[in-house]
């Protein structure tokens, strides 16, 4: 699940599952969701977005001091340590599937994993949300 993308992948628009949580997830919930997604076949990579939790305070009288935010933690995903730098609000799960049947099966498993671990609910959609080839912005 946490492997680097292969070179021959470049330029192939694989489908993605977009999952938006109804509330920002804490470190414990994020860890549960990722560990539930880890054994699912055909997941190529998972990207997460959300509210950044900076390492140091960026403003105010404590500017530059360490940010002792309770959700900035190291979590275990698939036996590996992952430093959580966000309160996660969305997951983008890229799938390596060959046909519609494989896609439907993977999406059902992903939906079941989210239902079991995201108690405040979520929305799920399938499409292509991340860039998969170079655009004009890459040549600036």
Protein backbone atom coordinates (compact mmCIF):
# COMPACT_ATOMS: atom_id res chain seq x y z
CA UNK A 1 0.00 0.00 0.00
CA UNK A 2 2.70 2.53 0.88
CA UNK A 3 5.06 1.72 -2.02
CA UNK A 4 6.39 4.26 -4.48
CA UNK A 5 4.65 4.56 -7.89
CA UNK A 6 6.37 2.69 -10.70
CA UNK A 7 7.89 4.48 -13.67
CA UNK A 8 5.83 2.65 -16.32
CA UNK A 9 2.66 4.01 -14.68
CA UNK A 10 3.18 7.57 -15.98
CA UNK A 11 0.36 8.79 -18.19
CA UNK A 12 -2.22 6.06 -17.44
CA UNK A 13 -5.43 7.45 -15.92
CA UNK A 14 -6.26 4.83 -13.29
CA UNK A 15 -9.54 5.29 -11.38
CA UNK A 16 -9.57 6.89 -7.94
CA UNK A 17 -11.98 6.70 -5.05
CA UNK A 18 -12.54 10.04 -3.32
CA UNK A 19 -13.69 9.81 0.29
CA UNK A 20 -14.72 12.99 2.13
CA UNK A 21 -15.27 12.64 5.86
CA UNK A 22 -18.16 14.57 7.43
CA UNK A 23 -15.72 15.71 10.14
CA UNK A 24 -11.95 15.99 10.42
CA UNK A 25 -10.52 12.70 11.65
CA UNK A 26 -8.34 12.33 14.71
CA UNK A 27 -5.10 10.36 14.64
CA UNK A 28 -6.71 7.25 16.12
CA UNK A 29 -9.54 7.18 13.56
CA UNK A 30 -7.13 7.85 10.69
CA UNK A 31 -4.98 4.94 11.84
CA UNK A 32 -8.03 2.63 11.98
CA UNK A 33 -9.19 3.65 8.50
CA UNK A 34 -5.75 3.20 6.93
CA UNK A 35 -5.25 -0.20 8.58
CA UNK A 36 -8.72 -1.28 7.37
CA UNK A 37 -7.79 -0.20 3.81
CA UNK A 38 -4.33 -1.82 3.90
CA UNK A 39 -5.36 -5.45 3.08
CA UNK A 40 -7.72 -4.47 0.24
CA UNK A 41 -6.49 -5.70 -3.13
CA UNK A 42 -5.91 -3.36 -6.09
CA UNK A 43 -5.14 -0.26 -4.00
CA UNK A 44 -2.12 1.31 -5.64
CA UNK A 45 -1.70 4.37 -3.42
CA UNK A 46 -3.55 6.47 -0.86
CA UNK A 47 -3.23 10.25 -0.60
CA UNK A 48 -4.71 12.19 2.29
CA UNK A 49 -5.62 15.85 2.64
CA UNK A 50 -6.91 17.95 5.48
CA UNK A 51 -5.99 20.66 7.94
CA UNK A 52 -2.25 20.98 8.43
CA UNK A 53 -0.87 20.59 11.95
CA UNK A 54 2.41 22.50 11.87
CA UNK A 55 5.38 21.37 13.94
CA UNK A 56 5.92 24.88 15.35
CA UNK A 57 3.50 27.70 16.08
CA UNK A 58 3.32 30.11 13.13
CA UNK A 59 1.87 33.17 14.84
CA UNK A 60 0.97 34.73 18.16
CA UNK A 61 3.10 35.23 21.27
CA UNK A 62 4.44 31.66 21.06
CA UNK A 63 5.61 31.96 17.44
CA UNK A 64 8.41 29.48 16.75
CA UNK A 65 7.72 27.33 19.82
CA UNK A 66 6.80 23.65 19.39
CA UNK A 67 3.12 23.03 18.61
CA UNK A 68 1.88 20.54 21.21
CA UNK A 69 -1.20 19.58 19.20
CA UNK A 70 -2.79 16.38 20.52
CA UNK A 71 -3.39 14.97 17.01
CA UNK A 72 0.16 15.38 15.67
CA UNK A 73 1.33 11.82 16.24
CA UNK A 74 3.16 8.91 14.71
CA UNK A 75 0.66 6.20 13.76
CA UNK A 76 1.25 2.58 12.72
CA UNK A 77 -0.04 1.60 9.28
CA UNK A 78 0.64 -1.91 8.07
CA UNK A 79 3.43 -2.26 10.64
CA UNK A 80 5.17 0.94 9.52
CA UNK A 81 5.42 4.24 11.39
CA UNK A 82 3.79 7.19 9.62
CA UNK A 83 4.04 10.74 10.94
CA UNK A 84 0.62 12.33 10.76
CA UNK A 85 0.92 16.00 9.76
CA UNK A 86 -2.79 16.59 9.03
CA UNK A 87 -6.16 16.20 10.59
CA UNK A 88 -7.42 14.18 7.67
CA UNK A 89 -10.60 15.27 5.90
CA UNK A 90 -10.30 13.36 2.62
CA UNK A 91 -8.68 10.27 1.12
CA UNK A 92 -7.85 9.77 -2.55
CA UNK A 93 -7.36 6.07 -3.22
CA UNK A 94 -5.90 5.11 -6.59
CA UNK A 95 -6.91 1.66 -7.82
CA UNK A 96 -4.99 -0.60 -10.18
CA UNK A 97 -7.89 -2.45 -11.80
CA UNK A 98 -8.39 -3.98 -15.23
CA UNK A 99 -12.17 -4.02 -15.58
CA UNK A 100 -15.44 -2.76 -14.10
CA UNK A 101 -15.97 -5.90 -12.01
CA UNK A 102 -12.63 -5.46 -10.23
CA UNK A 103 -13.40 -1.77 -9.69
CA UNK A 104 -16.85 -2.47 -8.20
CA UNK A 105 -15.43 -5.15 -5.88
CA UNK A 106 -12.65 -2.85 -4.62
CA UNK A 107 -15.05 0.08 -4.11
CA UNK A 108 -17.43 -2.10 -2.06
CA UNK A 109 -14.56 -3.22 0.19
CA UNK A 110 -13.37 0.38 0.61
CA UNK A 111 -16.91 1.52 1.44
CA UNK A 112 -17.28 -1.26 4.05
CA UNK A 113 -13.94 -0.33 5.65
CA UNK A 114 -15.01 3.33 5.88
CA UNK A 115 -18.46 2.49 7.27
CA UNK A 116 -16.84 0.42 10.03
CA UNK A 117 -14.29 3.09 11.00
CA UNK A 118 -15.78 6.52 10.25
CA UNK A 119 -18.67 6.93 12.72
CA UNK A 120 -19.58 10.49 11.66
CA UNK A 121 -20.15 9.46 8.06
CA UNK A 122 -18.54 10.20 4.71
CA UNK A 123 -19.25 10.66 1.02
CA UNK A 124 -17.64 8.43 -1.60
CA UNK A 125 -17.26 8.92 -5.35
CA UNK A 126 -15.27 7.28 -8.13
CA UNK A 127 -13.45 9.20 -10.85
CA UNK A 128 -10.04 10.73 -11.52
CA UNK A 129 -9.08 13.52 -9.10
CA UNK A 130 -5.27 13.66 -9.19
CA UNK A 131 -2.97 14.67 -11.99
CA UNK A 132 -1.52 11.67 -13.83
CA UNK A 133 0.53 13.36 -16.55
CA UNK A 134 2.50 16.58 -16.98
CA UNK A 135 0.60 19.78 -17.70
CA UNK A 136 1.70 23.27 -18.79
CA UNK A 137 2.26 24.25 -15.14
CA UNK A 138 5.05 21.68 -14.92
CA UNK A 139 7.06 23.56 -17.58
CA UNK A 140 7.11 26.98 -15.86
